[in-house]
Amino acid sequence: MIARVTVASLVIALGFSAAAFAEDATIELKPSANPASPLAYDKTELTVKAGQKVKLTLNNTGGIVPQPHNFILMKPGTLDKVGALANAMLSDPKAMEKSYIPESTDILASMKLVQPGQSGSLEFTAPAEAGDYPFACTFPGHWLLMRGVLKVTK
């Protein structure tokens, strides 16, 4: 008799996490095309598996008001703290060079500013711990409205 072996049974038998073999997550974000919320991403909730490789593309096209945007992923509960650090960058003469990304250990992943009509990509590994991880654009004033949550599931 021939035993039937599947990838799933090997994963379980060898004790690996299913996330280690999950397909990479591909996410596309754009500025909102909704005139009622011009300073927003087109998606405010993203979902990935813990430990999953993520490729995020920010296409800065189609927004109502053409402006630079970035993407910052933060530890849970740190949005206001990182937002305040971003606001403080207004007095930094090198803020634009730094893409308005503040220095903080609360930032898990970040993408430099993407100019209107352009796109940028960021590859990172989703946190190993399940939870709700805030993300935002930290170009001056944007983080107050242009934000969302990366839901990390087991």
Protein backbone atom coordinates (compact mmCIF):
# COMPACT_ATOMS: atom_id res chain seq x y z
CA MET A 1 0.00 0.00 0.00
CA ILE A 2 1.31 3.45 -0.94
CA ALA A 3 1.05 6.17 1.70
CA ARG A 4 -0.26 9.48 0.47
CA VAL A 5 1.77 12.40 1.76
CA THR A 6 0.64 15.98 1.38
CA VAL A 7 2.54 19.17 2.05
CA ALA A 8 0.13 19.93 4.89
CA SER A 9 0.82 16.57 6.57
CA LEU A 10 4.59 17.09 6.21
CA VAL A 11 4.32 20.57 7.69
CA ILE A 12 2.44 19.17 10.70
CA ALA A 13 4.67 16.09 11.05
CA LEU A 14 7.86 18.17 10.97
CA GLY A 15 6.44 20.74 13.37
CA PHE A 16 6.75 23.76 11.10
CA SER A 17 4.41 26.69 11.28
CA ALA A 18 1.94 26.88 8.40
CA ALA A 19 2.88 30.57 8.03
CA ALA A 20 6.40 29.50 7.11
CA PHE A 21 4.96 27.91 3.96
CA ALA A 22 2.21 30.40 3.25
CA GLU A 23 2.29 32.25 -0.01
CA ASP A 24 3.68 35.75 0.12
CA ALA A 25 1.04 38.43 0.61
CA THR A 26 0.86 41.04 -2.14
CA ILE A 27 -0.87 44.26 -1.15
CA GLU A 28 -1.55 47.36 -3.22
CA LEU A 29 -2.46 50.68 -1.62
CA LYS A 30 -3.48 53.90 -3.33
CA PRO A 31 -4.57 57.31 -2.12
CA SER A 32 -8.33 57.58 -1.86
CA ALA A 33 -10.21 58.70 -4.98
CA ASN A 34 -13.19 59.66 -2.82
CA PRO A 35 -13.65 63.47 -2.68
CA ALA A 36 -15.20 63.12 0.80
CA SER A 37 -11.95 61.64 2.16
CA PRO A 38 -9.04 62.84 -0.01
CA LEU A 39 -6.44 62.24 2.73
CA ALA A 40 -6.91 58.51 3.12
CA TYR A 41 -5.66 55.26 1.68
CA ASP A 42 -8.10 53.33 -0.50
CA LYS A 43 -7.98 50.52 2.09
CA THR A 44 -7.97 51.01 5.83
CA GLU A 45 -7.76 47.34 6.81
CA LEU A 46 -5.25 44.81 5.55
CA THR A 47 -4.93 41.19 6.72
CA VAL A 48 -1.88 38.92 6.67
CA LYS A 49 -0.73 35.83 8.54
CA ALA A 50 1.84 36.04 11.33
CA GLY A 51 5.36 35.63 9.94
CA GLN A 52 4.17 35.92 6.32
CA LYS A 53 6.34 37.70 3.77
CA VAL A 54 4.58 40.82 2.55
CA LYS A 55 5.15 42.90 -0.58
CA LEU A 56 3.34 46.19 -0.33
CA THR A 57 3.10 48.55 -3.30
CA LEU A 58 2.00 52.14 -2.85
CA ASN A 59 0.69 53.49 -6.16
CA ASN A 60 0.43 57.23 -5.71
CA THR A 61 -2.00 57.70 -8.58
CA GLY A 62 -5.64 58.62 -8.77
CA GLY A 63 -5.77 60.63 -5.57
CA ILE A 64 -7.97 63.74 -5.47
CA VAL A 65 -5.12 65.98 -4.29
CA PRO A 66 -1.69 65.04 -5.76
CA GLN A 67 0.74 64.93 -2.82
CA PRO A 68 3.65 62.77 -1.67
CA HIS A 69 2.73 59.84 0.59
CA ASN A 70 4.67 57.23 2.54
CA PHE A 71 3.80 54.12 4.54
CA ILE A 72 4.80 53.45 8.14
CA LEU A 73 3.89 50.23 10.02
CA MET A 74 4.00 50.54 13.80
CA LYS A 75 3.74 48.49 16.95
CA PRO A 76 0.21 48.24 18.39
CA GLY A 77 -0.84 51.26 20.44
CA THR A 78 1.88 53.59 19.12
CA LEU A 79 0.10 55.53 16.36
CA ASP A 80 -0.32 58.75 18.36
CA LYS A 81 3.25 58.59 19.69
CA VAL A 82 4.77 58.09 16.22
CA GLY A 83 2.37 60.68 14.77
CA ALA A 84 3.60 63.24 17.32
CA LEU A 85 7.20 62.46 16.31
CA ALA A 86 6.22 63.00 12.67
CA ASN A 87 4.63 66.35 13.55
CA ALA A 88 7.83 67.39 15.33
CA MET A 89 9.74 66.84 12.07
CA LEU A 90 8.19 70.03 10.67
CA SER A 91 11.05 71.92 12.36
CA ASP A 92 13.71 69.58 10.93
CA PRO A 93 15.33 71.10 7.81
CA LYS A 94 16.19 67.56 6.63
CA ALA A 95 12.68 66.16 7.11
CA MET A 96 12.02 65.84 3.37
CA GLU A 97 15.34 63.99 2.91
CA LYS A 98 14.20 61.65 5.68
CA SER A 99 10.83 61.19 3.91
CA TYR A 100 9.13 62.42 7.11
CA ILE A 101 9.91 59.08 8.74
CA PRO A 102 10.67 59.79 12.40
CA GLU A 103 13.32 57.85 14.29
CA SER A 104 11.48 55.44 16.58
CA THR A 105 11.82 51.85 17.76
CA ASP A 106 8.02 51.69 17.42
CA ILE A 107 8.32 51.66 13.60
CA LEU A 108 8.40 48.09 12.24
CA ALA A 109 8.60 48.88 8.52
CA SER A 110 8.60 52.04 6.42
CA MET A 111 8.54 53.21 2.82
CA LYS A 112 10.04 56.49 1.69
CA LEU A 113 7.86 59.19 0.18
CA VAL A 114 6.29 58.29 -3.14
CA GLN A 115 5.71 61.31 -5.37
CA PRO A 116 2.41 61.86 -7.24
CA GLY A 117 2.15 59.66 -10.34
CA GLN A 118 4.80 57.23 -9.07
CA SER A 119 4.81 53.99 -7.08
CA GLY A 120 7.06 52.44 -4.49
CA SER A 121 7.38 48.98 -2.97
CA LEU A 122 8.28 47.65 0.43
CA GLU A 123 8.99 44.05 1.41
CA PHE A 124 8.83 42.97 5.04
CA THR A 125 7.90 40.02 7.20
CA ALA A 126 4.65 40.36 9.12
CA PRO A 127 5.07 40.36 12.89
CA ALA A 128 5.16 36.90 14.49
CA GLU A 129 2.57 37.92 17.05
CA ALA A 130 -1.09 38.20 16.06
CA GLY A 131 -2.64 41.61 16.63
CA ASP A 132 -3.69 44.92 15.12
CA TYR A 133 -0.73 46.94 13.84
CA PRO A 134 -1.42 50.56 12.84
CA PHE A 135 -0.11 52.01 9.60
CA ALA A 136 -0.13 55.61 8.40
CA CYS A 137 1.33 58.20 6.06
CA THR A 138 3.53 60.59 8.05
CA PHE A 139 3.83 63.37 5.48
CA PRO A 140 2.93 66.54 7.45
CA GLY A 141 -0.61 66.33 8.82
CA HIS A 142 -1.55 63.18 6.92
CA TRP A 143 -1.32 60.62 9.75
CA LEU A 144 -4.40 62.06 11.44
CA LEU A 145 -6.60 60.82 8.56
CA MET A 146 -4.44 58.67 6.28
CA ARG A 147 -4.15 55.53 8.35
CA GLY A 148 -5.36 51.99 8.83
CA VAL A 149 -4.72 48.67 10.53
CA LEU A 150 -2.71 45.65 9.44
CA LYS A 151 -4.50 42.71 11.06
CA VAL A 152 -2.02 39.93 11.74
CA THR A 153 -3.67 36.55 12.25
CA LYS A 154 -2.29 33.15 13.30
